[in-house]
C-alpha cells in the first residue's frame, strides 16, 4: 500500500510539473507574440523604415549662455528668503553625509533659491 501511494504521488508530481512547464512555455510565446505585435503597431520594430522608427532625442547644450545682469542679480538677492539662524546641528548632519551627497544637497538648495528669485 505504501509503495503504490508513493508511486501515485510521484505520478501526480510529474504530471503537475509537466503542466506547469507547458503553461510557462505557452505564456512566454503568447507574450512574445503580443510584444512583437505591439512594437509593430507603434512603429519601433527593428525591421521598420527609417521614417517610421521613433528616434531618441539628443541633448544639445547651447553655445550662447545667458548671463544675469547686475539688476537681475540684485533683485534676486532682495527677494531671496532670509536664511534662518545658523544651526550647528545642520552642520553636523551635513558633515556626516558623504562628499558627493553634500555637493548635491547644496546644489539643490542653490537651485531652489534661484527659482524663488524668478
PDB file of N, CA and C in Angstrom:
ATOM      1  N   UNK A   1       0.818  -1.184   0.000  1.00  0.00           N
ATOM      2  CA  UNK A   1       0.000   0.000   0.000  1.00  0.00           C
ATOM      3  C   UNK A   1       0.868   1.257   0.000  1.00  0.00           C
ATOM      4  N   UNK A   2       1.929   1.256   0.830  1.00  0.00           N
ATOM      5  CA  UNK A   2       2.804   2.417   0.876  1.00  0.00           C
ATOM      6  C   UNK A   2       3.512   2.625  -0.452  1.00  0.00           C
ATOM      7  N   UNK A   3       3.889   1.541  -1.095  1.00  0.00           N
ATOM      8  CA  UNK A   3       4.600   1.630  -2.360  1.00  0.00           C
ATOM      9  C   UNK A   3       3.711   2.226  -3.442  1.00  0.00           C
ATOM     10  N   UNK A   4       2.461   1.825  -3.513  1.00  0.00           N
ATOM     11  CA  UNK A   4       1.543   2.349  -4.531  1.00  0.00           C
ATOM     12  C   UNK A   4       1.186   3.813  -4.244  1.00  0.00           C
ATOM     13  N   UNK A   5       1.121   4.164  -2.973  1.00  0.00           N
ATOM     14  CA  UNK A   5       0.844   5.561  -2.608  1.00  0.00           C
ATOM     15  C   UNK A   5       2.004   6.458  -3.018  1.00  0.00           C
ATOM     16  N   UNK A   6       3.241   5.997  -2.796  1.00  0.00           N
ATOM     17  CA  UNK A   6       4.419   6.768  -3.196  1.00  0.00           C
ATOM     18  C   UNK A   6       4.498   6.900  -4.702  1.00  0.00           C
ATOM     19  N   UNK A   7       4.174   5.845  -5.419  1.00  0.00           N
ATOM     20  CA  UNK A   7       4.180   5.898  -6.881  1.00  0.00           C
ATOM     21  C   UNK A   7       3.105   6.853  -7.377  1.00  0.00           C
ATOM     22  N   UNK A   8       1.964   6.845  -6.726  1.00  0.00           N
ATOM     23  CA  UNK A   8       0.879   7.768  -7.097  1.00  0.00           C
ATOM     24  C   UNK A   8       1.297   9.216  -6.907  1.00  0.00           C
ATOM     25  N   UNK A   9       1.948   9.521  -5.783  1.00  0.00           N
ATOM     26  CA  UNK A   9       2.414  10.890  -5.542  1.00  0.00           C
ATOM     27  C   UNK A   9       3.455  11.307  -6.573  1.00  0.00           C
ATOM     28  N   UNK A  10       4.344  10.396  -6.916  1.00  0.00           N
ATOM     29  CA  UNK A  10       5.362  10.708  -7.930  1.00  0.00           C
ATOM     30  C   UNK A  10       4.715  10.979  -9.277  1.00  0.00           C
ATOM     31  N   UNK A  11       3.692  10.215  -9.634  1.00  0.00           N
ATOM     32  CA  UNK A  11       2.998  10.416 -10.907  1.00  0.00           C
ATOM     33  C   UNK A  11       2.284  11.760 -10.925  1.00  0.00           C
ATOM     34  N   UNK A  12       1.615  12.096  -9.827  1.00  0.00           N
ATOM     35  CA  UNK A  12       0.920  13.386  -9.732  1.00  0.00           C
ATOM     36  C   UNK A  12       1.927  14.529  -9.809  1.00  0.00           C
ATOM     37  N   UNK A  13       3.030  14.376  -9.119  1.00  0.00           N
ATOM     38  CA  UNK A  13       4.070  15.403  -9.138  1.00  0.00           C
ATOM     39  C   UNK A  13       4.629  15.583 -10.552  1.00  0.00           C
ATOM     40  N   UNK A  14       4.896  14.484 -11.265  1.00  0.00           N
ATOM     41  CA  UNK A  14       5.441  14.570 -12.620  1.00  0.00           C
ATOM     42  C   UNK A  14       4.440  15.207 -13.577  1.00  0.00           C
ATOM     43  N   UNK A  15       3.175  14.831 -13.489  1.00  0.00           N
ATOM     44  CA  UNK A  15       2.152  15.388 -14.383  1.00  0.00           C
ATOM     45  C   UNK A  15       1.941  16.866 -14.102  1.00  0.00           C
ATOM     46  N   UNK A  16       1.849  17.233 -12.826  1.00  0.00           N
ATOM     47  CA  UNK A  16       1.627  18.646 -12.498  1.00  0.00           C
ATOM     48  C   UNK A  16       2.845  19.487 -12.892  1.00  0.00           C
ATOM     49  N   UNK A  17       4.044  18.949 -12.732  1.00  0.00           N
ATOM     50  CA  UNK A  17       5.243  19.678 -13.168  1.00  0.00           C
ATOM     51  C   UNK A  17       5.258  19.870 -14.667  1.00  0.00           C
ATOM     52  N   UNK A  18       4.835  18.861 -15.401  1.00  0.00           N
ATOM     53  CA  UNK A  18       4.772  18.988 -16.866  1.00  0.00           C
ATOM     54  C   UNK A  18       3.741  20.023 -17.268  1.00  0.00           C
ATOM     55  N   UNK A  19       2.607  20.036 -16.609  1.00  0.00           N
ATOM     56  CA  UNK A  19       1.564  21.020 -16.920  1.00  0.00           C
ATOM     57  C   UNK A  19       2.069  22.429 -16.645  1.00  0.00           C
ATOM     58  N   UNK A  20       2.742  22.621 -15.537  1.00  0.00           N
ATOM     59  CA  UNK A  20       3.287  23.945 -15.205  1.00  0.00           C
ATOM     60  C   UNK A  20       4.326  24.359 -16.242  1.00  0.00           C
ATOM     61  N   UNK A  21       5.201  23.442 -16.623  1.00  0.00           N
ATOM     62  CA  UNK A  21       6.219  23.746 -17.626  1.00  0.00           C
ATOM     63  C   UNK A  21       5.579  24.131 -18.968  1.00  0.00           C
ATOM     64  N   UNK A  22       4.590  23.379 -19.409  1.00  0.00           N
ATOM     65  CA  UNK A  22       3.909  23.693 -20.662  1.00  0.00           C
ATOM     66  C   UNK A  22       3.187  25.040 -20.576  1.00  0.00           C
ATOM     67  N   UNK A  23       2.556  25.315 -19.445  1.00  0.00           N
ATOM     68  CA  UNK A  23       1.857  26.592 -19.274  1.00  0.00           C
ATOM     69  C   UNK A  23       2.838  27.759 -19.346  1.00  0.00           C
ATOM     70  N   UNK A  24       4.002  27.602 -18.747  1.00  0.00           N
ATOM     71  CA  UNK A  24       5.012  28.668 -18.797  1.00  0.00           C
ATOM     72  C   UNK A  24       5.496  28.892 -20.225  1.00  0.00           C
ATOM     73  N   UNK A  25       5.737  27.824 -20.963  1.00  0.00           N
ATOM     74  CA  UNK A  25       6.213  27.949 -22.334  1.00  0.00           C
ATOM     75  C   UNK A  25       5.158  28.615 -23.210  1.00  0.00           C
ATOM     76  N   UNK A  26       3.907  28.234 -23.054  1.00  0.00           N
ATOM     77  CA  UNK A  26       2.826  28.843 -23.842  1.00  0.00           C
ATOM     78  C   UNK A  26       2.689  30.313 -23.486  1.00  0.00           C
ATOM     79  N   UNK A  27       2.754  30.618 -22.202  1.00  0.00           N
ATOM     80  CA  UNK A  27       2.642  32.012 -21.761  1.00  0.00           C
ATOM     81  C   UNK A  27       3.780  32.855 -22.338  1.00  0.00           C
ATOM     82  N   UNK A  28       4.992  32.304 -22.338  1.00  0.00           N
ATOM     83  CA  UNK A  28       6.139  33.035 -22.860  1.00  0.00           C
ATOM     84  C   UNK A  28       5.964  33.313 -24.347  1.00  0.00           C
ATOM     85  N   UNK A  29       5.489  32.336 -25.103  1.00  0.00           N
ATOM     86  CA  UNK A  29       5.299  32.520 -26.543  1.00  0.00           C
ATOM     87  C   UNK A  29       4.187  33.519 -26.829  1.00  0.00           C
ATOM     88  N   UNK A  30       3.097  33.423 -26.100  1.00  0.00           N
ATOM     89  CA  UNK A  30       1.983  34.362 -26.310  1.00  0.00           C
ATOM     90  C   UNK A  30       2.438  35.774 -25.990  1.00  0.00           C
ATOM     91  N   UNK A  31       3.159  35.932 -24.895  1.00  0.00           N
ATOM     92  CA  UNK A  31       3.648  37.249 -24.508  1.00  0.00           C
ATOM     93  C   UNK A  31       4.619  37.789 -25.548  1.00  0.00           C
ATOM     94  N   UNK A  32       5.498  36.927 -26.065  1.00  0.00           N
ATOM     95  CA  UNK A  32       6.458  37.345 -27.072  1.00  0.00           C
ATOM     96  C   UNK A  32       5.746  37.791 -28.347  1.00  0.00           C
ATOM     97  N   UNK A  33       4.756  37.024 -28.788  1.00  0.00           N
ATOM     98  CA  UNK A  33       3.997  37.399 -29.984  1.00  0.00           C
ATOM     99  C   UNK A  33       3.250  38.705 -29.765  1.00  0.00           C
ATOM    100  N   UNK A  34       2.684  38.869 -28.579  1.00  0.00           N
ATOM    101  CA  UNK A  34       1.960  40.092 -28.258  1.00  0.00           C
ATOM    102  C   UNK A  34       2.887  41.296 -28.292  1.00  0.00           C
ATOM    103  N   UNK A  35       4.082  41.159 -27.717  1.00  0.00           N
ATOM    104  CA  UNK A  35       5.033  42.273 -27.713  1.00  0.00           C
ATOM    105  C   UNK A  35       5.479  42.624 -29.123  1.00  0.00           C
ATOM    106  N   UNK A  36       5.681  41.618 -29.982  1.00  0.00           N
ATOM    107  CA  UNK A  36       6.062  41.894 -31.369  1.00  0.00           C
ATOM    108  C   UNK A  36       4.955  42.654 -32.078  1.00  0.00           C
ATOM    109  N   UNK A  37       3.716  42.270 -31.821  1.00  0.00           N
ATOM    110  CA  UNK A  37       2.582  42.939 -32.453  1.00  0.00           C
ATOM    111  C   UNK A  37       2.497  44.391 -31.986  1.00  0.00           C
ATOM    112  N   UNK A  38       2.696  44.611 -30.696  1.00  0.00           N
ATOM    113  CA  UNK A  38       2.641  45.970 -30.158  1.00  0.00           C
ATOM    114  C   UNK A  38       3.770  46.816 -30.745  1.00  0.00           C
ATOM    115  N   UNK A  39       4.969  46.267 -30.812  1.00  0.00           N
ATOM    116  CA  UNK A  39       6.096  47.013 -31.380  1.00  0.00           C
ATOM    117  C   UNK A  39       5.826  47.360 -32.838  1.00  0.00           C
ATOM    118  N   UNK A  40       5.232  46.441 -33.563  1.00  0.00           N
ATOM    119  CA  UNK A  40       4.930  46.707 -34.965  1.00  0.00           C
ATOM    120  C   UNK A  40       3.906  47.826 -35.091  1.00  0.00           C
ATOM    121  N   UNK A  41       2.877  47.811 -34.230  1.00  0.00           N
ATOM    122  CA  UNK A  41       1.856  48.847 -34.278  1.00  0.00           C
ATOM    123  C   UNK A  41       2.417  50.208 -33.896  1.00  0.00           C
ATOM    124  N   UNK A  42       3.294  50.241 -32.940  1.00  0.00           N
ATOM    125  CA  UNK A  42       3.887  51.506 -32.513  1.00  0.00           C
ATOM    126  C   UNK A  42       4.872  52.011 -33.553  1.00  0.00           C
ATOM    127  N   UNK A  43       5.536  51.102 -34.227  1.00  0.00           N
ATOM    128  CA  UNK A  43       6.488  51.509 -35.252  1.00  0.00           C
ATOM    129  C   UNK A  43       7.923  51.473 -34.782  1.00  0.00           C
ATOM    130  N   UNK A  44       8.192  50.824 -33.680  1.00  0.00           N
ATOM    131  CA  UNK A  44       9.565  50.759 -33.190  1.00  0.00           C
ATOM    132  C   UNK A  44      10.212  49.422 -33.507  1.00  0.00           C
ATOM    133  N   UNK A  45       9.570  48.632 -34.357  1.00  0.00           N
ATOM    134  CA  UNK A  45      10.155  47.343 -34.711  1.00  0.00           C
ATOM    135  C   UNK A  45      11.461  47.570 -35.457  1.00  0.00           C
ATOM    136  N   UNK A  46      12.401  46.678 -35.312  1.00  0.00           N
ATOM    137  CA  UNK A  46      13.718  46.871 -35.908  1.00  0.00           C
ATOM    138  C   UNK A  46      13.682  46.756 -37.424  1.00  0.00           C
ATOM    139  N   UNK A  47      12.686  46.107 -37.974  1.00  0.00           N
ATOM    140  CA  UNK A  47      12.621  45.943 -39.420  1.00  0.00           C
ATOM    141  C   UNK A  47      11.908  47.084 -40.111  1.00  0.00           C
ATOM    142  N   UNK A  48      11.488  48.122 -39.395  1.00  0.00           N
ATOM    143  CA  UNK A  48      10.719  49.207 -39.980  1.00  0.00           C
ATOM    144  C   UNK A  48      11.579  50.159 -40.781  1.00  0.00           C
ATOM    145  N   UNK A  49      10.910  51.036 -41.510  1.00  0.00           N
ATOM    146  CA  UNK A  49      11.610  52.049 -42.308  1.00  0.00           C
ATOM    147  C   UNK A  49      12.195  53.111 -41.400  1.00  0.00           C
ATOM    148  N   UNK A  50      13.093  53.903 -41.944  1.00  0.00           N
ATOM    149  CA  UNK A  50      13.749  54.940 -41.167  1.00  0.00           C
ATOM    150  C   UNK A  50      12.785  56.006 -40.689  1.00  0.00           C
ATOM    151  N   UNK A  51      11.789  56.368 -41.526  1.00  0.00           N
ATOM    152  CA  UNK A  51      10.848  57.400 -41.135  1.00  0.00           C
ATOM    153  C   UNK A  51       9.893  56.923 -40.051  1.00  0.00           C
ATOM    154  N   UNK A  52       9.547  55.657 -40.090  1.00  0.00           N
ATOM    155  CA  UNK A  52       8.576  55.121 -39.136  1.00  0.00           C
ATOM    156  C   UNK A  52       9.176  54.900 -37.762  1.00  0.00           C
ATOM    157  N   UNK A  53      10.476  54.780 -37.678  1.00  0.00           N
ATOM    158  CA  UNK A  53      11.112  54.495 -36.399  1.00  0.00           C
ATOM    159  C   UNK A  53      11.116  55.740 -35.527  1.00  0.00           C
ATOM    160  N   UNK A  54      10.928  55.552 -34.252  1.00  0.00           N
ATOM    161  CA  UNK A  54      10.962  56.656 -33.297  1.00  0.00           C
ATOM    162  C   UNK A  54      12.415  56.879 -32.909  1.00  0.00           C
ATOM    163  N   UNK A  55      12.864  58.102 -33.068  1.00  0.00           N
ATOM    164  CA  UNK A  55      14.258  58.408 -32.751  1.00  0.00           C
ATOM    165  C   UNK A  55      14.363  58.920 -31.329  1.00  0.00           C
ATOM    166  N   UNK A  56      15.483  58.628 -30.716  1.00  0.00           N
ATOM    167  CA  UNK A  56      15.744  59.160 -29.387  1.00  0.00           C
ATOM    168  C   UNK A  56      16.155  60.618 -29.523  1.00  0.00           C
ATOM    169  N   UNK A  57      15.676  61.422 -28.595  1.00  0.00           N
ATOM    170  CA  UNK A  57      16.055  62.824 -28.606  1.00  0.00           C
ATOM    171  C   UNK A  57      17.435  62.967 -28.010  1.00  0.00           C
ATOM    172  N   UNK A  58      18.259  63.778 -28.638  1.00  0.00           N
ATOM    173  CA  UNK A  58      19.601  64.013 -28.136  1.00  0.00           C
ATOM    174  C   UNK A  58      19.640  65.343 -27.403  1.00  0.00           C
ATOM    175  N   UNK A  59      20.410  65.377 -26.360  1.00  0.00           N
ATOM    176  CA  UNK A  59      20.559  66.599 -25.587  1.00  0.00           C
ATOM    177  C   UNK A  59      21.649  67.432 -26.232  1.00  0.00           C
ATOM    178  N   UNK A  60      21.307  68.677 -26.484  1.00  0.00           N
ATOM    179  CA  UNK A  60      22.289  69.596 -27.062  1.00  0.00           C
ATOM    180  C   UNK A  60      22.357  70.822 -26.163  1.00  0.00           C
ATOM    181  N   UNK A  61      23.559  71.196 -25.841  1.00  0.00           N
ATOM    182  CA  UNK A  61      23.749  72.361 -24.999  1.00  0.00           C
ATOM    183  C   UNK A  61      24.007  73.575 -25.873  1.00  0.00           C
ATOM    184  N   UNK A  62      23.452  74.681 -25.452  1.00  0.00           N
ATOM    185  CA  UNK A  62      23.564  75.905 -26.229  1.00  0.00           C
ATOM    186  C   UNK A  62      24.964  76.488 -26.107  1.00  0.00           C
ATOM    187  N   UNK A  63      25.428  77.078 -27.202  1.00  0.00           N
ATOM    188  CA  UNK A  63      26.702  77.777 -27.174  1.00  0.00           C
ATOM    189  C   UNK A  63      26.529  79.170 -26.574  1.00  0.00           C
ATOM    190  N   UNK A  64      25.315  79.682 -26.626  1.00  0.00           N
ATOM    191  CA  UNK A  64      25.045  81.018 -26.112  1.00  0.00           C
ATOM    192  C   UNK A  64      24.527  80.895 -24.681  1.00  0.00           C
ATOM    193  N   UNK A  65      25.303  81.402 -23.747  1.00  0.00           N
ATOM    194  CA  UNK A  65      24.930  81.347 -22.343  1.00  0.00           C
ATOM    195  C   UNK A  65      24.389  82.712 -21.948  1.00  0.00           C
ATOM    196  N   UNK A  66      23.222  82.705 -21.321  1.00  0.00           N
ATOM    197  CA  UNK A  66      22.599  83.961 -20.914  1.00  0.00           C
ATOM    198  C   UNK A  66      23.038  84.253 -19.485  1.00  0.00           C
ATOM    199  N   UNK A  67      23.697  85.373 -19.327  1.00  0.00           N
ATOM    200  CA  UNK A  67      24.146  85.795 -18.002  1.00  0.00           C
ATOM    201  C   UNK A  67      23.133  86.791 -17.446  1.00  0.00           C
ATOM    202  N   UNK A  68      22.908  86.757 -16.135  1.00  0.00           N
ATOM    203  CA  UNK A  68      22.032  87.715 -15.492  1.00  0.00           C
ATOM    204  C   UNK A  68      22.744  89.064 -15.388  1.00  0.00           C
ATOM    205  N   UNK A  69      21.995  90.101 -15.611  1.00  0.00           N
ATOM    206  CA  UNK A  69      22.585  91.425 -15.459  1.00  0.00           C
ATOM    207  C   UNK A  69      22.693  91.751 -13.973  1.00  0.00           C
ATOM    208  N   UNK A  70      23.377  92.855 -13.665  1.00  0.00           N
ATOM    209  CA  UNK A  70      23.545  93.241 -12.262  1.00  0.00           C
ATOM    210  C   UNK A  70      22.205  93.527 -11.611  1.00  0.00           C
ATOM    211  N   UNK A  71      21.301  94.143 -12.367  1.00  0.00           N
ATOM    212  CA  UNK A  71      19.985  94.471 -11.806  1.00  0.00           C
ATOM    213  C   UNK A  71      19.233  93.196 -11.427  1.00  0.00           C
ATOM    214  N   UNK A  72      19.323  92.208 -12.299  1.00  0.00           N
ATOM    215  CA  UNK A  72      18.645  90.941 -12.012  1.00  0.00           C
ATOM    216  C   UNK A  72      19.256  90.259 -10.797  1.00  0.00           C
ATOM    217  N   UNK A  73      20.577  90.302 -10.701  1.00  0.00           N
ATOM    218  CA  UNK A  73      21.238  89.677  -9.560  1.00  0.00           C
ATOM    219  C   UNK A  73      20.855  90.372  -8.257  1.00  0.00           C
ATOM    220  N   UNK A  74      20.796  91.694  -8.302  1.00  0.00           N
ATOM    221  CA  UNK A  74      20.441  92.435  -7.096  1.00  0.00           C
ATOM    222  C   UNK A  74      18.990  92.169  -6.710  1.00  0.00           C
ATOM    223  N   UNK A  75      18.112  92.103  -7.715  1.00  0.00           N
ATOM    224  CA  UNK A  75      16.710  91.820  -7.436  1.00  0.00           C
ATOM    225  C   UNK A  75      16.557  90.431  -6.818  1.00  0.00           C
ATOM    226  N   UNK A  76      17.352  89.480  -7.322  1.00  0.00           N
ATOM    227  CA  UNK A  76      17.300  88.129  -6.768  1.00  0.00           C
ATOM    228  C   UNK A  76      17.735  88.135  -5.310  1.00  0.00           C
ATOM    229  N   UNK A  77      18.783  88.886  -5.024  1.00  0.00           N
ATOM    230  CA  UNK A  77      19.279  88.924  -3.651  1.00  0.00           C
ATOM    231  C   UNK A  77      18.250  89.559  -2.717  1.00  0.00           C
ATOM    232  N   UNK A  78      17.490  90.536  -3.233  1.00  0.00           N
ATOM    233  CA  UNK A  78      16.473  91.176  -2.403  1.00  0.00           C
ATOM    234  C   UNK A  78      15.334  90.214  -2.082  1.00  0.00           C
ATOM    235  N   UNK A  79      14.938  89.415  -3.065  1.00  0.00           N
ATOM    236  CA  UNK A  79      13.772  88.560  -2.909  1.00  0.00           C
ATOM    237  C   UNK A  79      14.082  87.191  -2.314  1.00  0.00           C
ATOM    238  N   UNK A  80      15.339  86.915  -2.103  1.00  0.00           N
ATOM    239  CA  UNK A  80      15.684  85.631  -1.508  1.00  0.00           C
ATOM    240  C   UNK A  80      15.207  85.591  -0.067  1.00  0.00           C
ATOM    241  N   UNK A  81      14.677  84.458   0.364  1.00  0.00           N
ATOM    242  CA  UNK A  81      14.263  84.383   1.775  1.00  0.00           C
ATOM    243  C   UNK A  81      15.479  84.473   2.679  1.00  0.00           C
ATOM    244  N   UNK A  82      15.278  85.126   3.780  1.00  0.00           N
ATOM    245  CA  UNK A  82      16.371  85.281   4.745  1.00  0.00           C
ATOM    246  C   UNK A  82      16.715  83.926   5.340  1.00  0.00           C
ATOM    247  N   UNK A  83      17.989  83.587   5.391  1.00  0.00           N
ATOM    248  CA  UNK A  83      18.342  82.294   5.978  1.00  0.00           C
ATOM    249  C   UNK A  83      18.054  82.287   7.471  1.00  0.00           C
ATOM    250  N   UNK A  84      17.628  81.159   7.949  1.00  0.00           N
ATOM    251  CA  UNK A  84      17.345  81.016   9.384  1.00  0.00           C
ATOM    252  C   UNK A  84      18.643  81.089  10.161  1.00  0.00           C
ATOM    253  N   UNK A  85      18.521  81.217  11.450  1.00  0.00           N
ATOM    254  CA  UNK A  85      19.710  81.260  12.294  1.00  0.00           C
ATOM    255  C   UNK A  85      20.506  79.991  12.048  1.00  0.00           C
ATOM    256  N   UNK A  86      21.788  80.155  11.860  1.00  0.00           N
ATOM    257  CA  UNK A  86      22.655  79.027  11.521  1.00  0.00           C
ATOM    258  C   UNK A  86      22.686  78.054  12.689  1.00  0.00           C
ATOM    259  N   UNK A  87      22.329  76.826  12.401  1.00  0.00           N
ATOM    260  CA  UNK A  87      22.219  75.816  13.448  1.00  0.00           C
ATOM    261  C   UNK A  87      23.408  74.868  13.363  1.00  0.00           C
ATOM    262  N   UNK A  88      24.031  74.610  14.473  1.00  0.00           N
ATOM    263  CA  UNK A  88      25.194  73.717  14.478  1.00  0.00           C
ATOM    264  C   UNK A  88      24.798  72.275  14.164  1.00  0.00           C
ATOM    265  N   UNK A  89      23.581  71.892  14.509  1.00  0.00           N
ATOM    266  CA  UNK A  89      23.137  70.530  14.209  1.00  0.00           C
ATOM    267  C   UNK A  89      23.092  70.289  12.702  1.00  0.00           C
ATOM    268  N   UNK A  90      22.712  71.323  11.942  1.00  0.00           N
ATOM    269  CA  UNK A  90      22.693  71.187  10.489  1.00  0.00           C
ATOM    270  C   UNK A  90      24.101  70.947   9.958  1.00  0.00           C
ATOM    271  N   UNK A  91      25.080  71.650  10.525  1.00  0.00           N
ATOM    272  CA  UNK A  91      26.463  71.446  10.099  1.00  0.00           C
ATOM    273  C   UNK A  91      26.914  70.016  10.382  1.00  0.00           C
ATOM    274  N   UNK A  92      26.558  69.519  11.547  1.00  0.00           N
ATOM    275  CA  UNK A  92      26.949  68.153  11.894  1.00  0.00           C
ATOM    276  C   UNK A  92      26.285  67.148  10.961  1.00  0.00           C
ATOM    277  N   UNK A  93      24.994  67.382  10.650  1.00  0.00           N
ATOM    278  CA  UNK A  93      24.291  66.481   9.743  1.00  0.00           C
ATOM    279  C   UNK A  93      24.920  66.527   8.348  1.00  0.00           C
ATOM    280  N   UNK A  94      25.294  67.721   7.902  1.00  0.00           N
ATOM    281  CA  UNK A  94      25.877  67.870   6.584  1.00  0.00           C
ATOM    282  C   UNK A  94      27.258  67.221   6.529  1.00  0.00           C
ATOM    283  N   UNK A  95      28.024  67.352   7.601  1.00  0.00           N
ATOM    284  CA  UNK A  95      29.349  66.751   7.636  1.00  0.00           C
ATOM    285  C   UNK A  95      29.285  65.228   7.696  1.00  0.00           C
ATOM    286  N   UNK A  96      28.179  64.702   8.216  1.00  0.00           N
ATOM    287  CA  UNK A  96      28.031  63.247   8.309  1.00  0.00           C
ATOM    288  C   UNK A  96      27.741  62.631   6.941  1.00  0.00           C
ATOM    289  N   UNK A  97      27.280  63.466   5.996  1.00  0.00           N
ATOM    290  CA  UNK A  97      26.969  62.956   4.653  1.00  0.00           C
ATOM    291  C   UNK A  97      28.250  62.724   3.864  1.00  0.00           C
ATOM    292  N   UNK A  98      28.204  61.809   2.911  1.00  0.00           N
ATOM    293  CA  UNK A  98      29.349  61.665   2.001  1.00  0.00           C
ATOM    294  C   UNK A  98      29.532  62.941   1.176  1.00  0.00           C
ATOM    295  N   UNK A  99      30.733  63.127   0.651  1.00  0.00           N
ATOM    296  CA  UNK A  99      31.080  64.352  -0.058  1.00  0.00           C
ATOM    297  C   UNK A  99      30.151  64.606  -1.244  1.00  0.00           C
ATOM    298  N   UNK A 100      29.852  63.560  -2.035  1.00  0.00           N
ATOM    299  CA  UNK A 100      29.018  63.775  -3.205  1.00  0.00           C
ATOM    300  C   UNK A 100      27.587  64.145  -2.814  1.00  0.00           C
ATOM    301  N   UNK A 101      27.091  63.631  -1.696  1.00  0.00           N
ATOM    302  CA  UNK A 101      25.753  63.994  -1.238  1.00  0.00           C
ATOM    303  C   UNK A 101      25.723  65.449  -0.777  1.00  0.00           C
ATOM    304  N   UNK A 102      26.818  65.891  -0.138  1.00  0.00           N
ATOM    305  CA  UNK A 102      26.890  67.282   0.302  1.00  0.00           C
ATOM    306  C   UNK A 102      26.797  68.225  -0.883  1.00  0.00           C
ATOM    307  N   UNK A 103      27.550  67.909  -1.938  1.00  0.00           N
ATOM    308  CA  UNK A 103      27.548  68.764  -3.128  1.00  0.00           C
ATOM    309  C   UNK A 103      26.166  68.771  -3.762  1.00  0.00           C
ATOM    310  N   UNK A 104      25.544  67.610  -3.843  1.00  0.00           N
ATOM    311  CA  UNK A 104      24.215  67.504  -4.432  1.00  0.00           C
ATOM    312  C   UNK A 104      23.198  68.288  -3.612  1.00  0.00           C
ATOM    313  N   UNK A 105      23.249  68.154  -2.307  1.00  0.00           N
ATOM    314  CA  UNK A 105      22.323  68.840  -1.417  1.00  0.00           C
ATOM    315  C   UNK A 105      22.487  70.356  -1.537  1.00  0.00           C
ATOM    316  N   UNK A 106      23.730  70.821  -1.539  1.00  0.00           N
ATOM    317  CA  UNK A 106      23.972  72.258  -1.663  1.00  0.00           C
ATOM    318  C   UNK A 106      23.493  72.772  -3.011  1.00  0.00           C
ATOM    319  N   UNK A 107      23.671  71.972  -4.064  1.00  0.00           N
ATOM    320  CA  UNK A 107      23.199  72.372  -5.391  1.00  0.00           C
ATOM    321  C   UNK A 107      21.690  72.461  -5.456  1.00  0.00           C
ATOM    322  N   UNK A 108      20.996  71.535  -4.795  1.00  0.00           N
ATOM    323  CA  UNK A 108      19.537  71.580  -4.766  1.00  0.00           C
ATOM    324  C   UNK A 108      19.058  72.832  -4.051  1.00  0.00           C
ATOM    325  N   UNK A 109      19.685  73.148  -2.934  1.00  0.00           N
ATOM    326  CA  UNK A 109      19.295  74.350  -2.196  1.00  0.00           C
ATOM    327  C   UNK A 109      19.562  75.614  -3.006  1.00  0.00           C
ATOM    328  N   UNK A 110      20.687  75.647  -3.692  1.00  0.00           N
ATOM    329  CA  UNK A 110      21.023  76.808  -4.514  1.00  0.00           C
ATOM    330  C   UNK A 110      20.023  76.961  -5.653  1.00  0.00           C
ATOM    331  N   UNK A 111      19.641  75.835  -6.267  1.00  0.00           N
ATOM    332  CA  UNK A 111      18.679  75.862  -7.362  1.00  0.00           C
ATOM    333  C   UNK A 111      17.321  76.355  -6.883  1.00  0.00           C
ATOM    334  N   UNK A 112      16.912  75.933  -5.687  1.00  0.00           N
ATOM    335  CA  UNK A 112      15.633  76.402  -5.136  1.00  0.00           C
ATOM    336  C   UNK A 112      15.655  77.907  -4.927  1.00  0.00           C
ATOM    337  N   UNK A 113      16.786  78.416  -4.451  1.00  0.00           N
ATOM    338  CA  UNK A 113      16.892  79.856  -4.232  1.00  0.00           C
ATOM    339  C   UNK A 113      16.816  80.610  -5.550  1.00  0.00           C
ATOM    340  N   UNK A 114      17.437  80.079  -6.598  1.00  0.00           N
ATOM    341  CA  UNK A 114      17.386  80.736  -7.895  1.00  0.00           C
ATOM    342  C   UNK A 114      15.977  80.701  -8.476  1.00  0.00           C
ATOM    343  N   UNK A 115      15.264  79.589  -8.290  1.00  0.00           N
ATOM    344  CA  UNK A 115      13.895  79.501  -8.791  1.00  0.00           C
ATOM    345  C   UNK A 115      12.981  80.458  -8.041  1.00  0.00           C
ATOM    346  N   UNK A 116      13.219  80.636  -6.755  1.00  0.00           N
ATOM    347  CA  UNK A 116      12.404  81.545  -5.960  1.00  0.00           C
ATOM    348  C   UNK A 116      12.599  82.970  -6.433  1.00  0.00           C
ATOM    349  N   UNK A 117      13.749  83.243  -6.990  1.00  0.00           N
ATOM    350  CA  UNK A 117      14.066  84.585  -7.478  1.00  0.00           C
ATOM    351  C   UNK A 117      13.275  84.909  -8.736  1.00  0.00           C
ATOM    352  N   UNK A 118      13.071  83.918  -9.562  1.00  0.00           N
ATOM    353  CA  UNK A 118      12.372  84.165 -10.843  1.00  0.00           C
ATOM    354  C   UNK A 118      10.936  84.138 -10.612  1.00  0.00           C
TER     355      UNK A 118
END
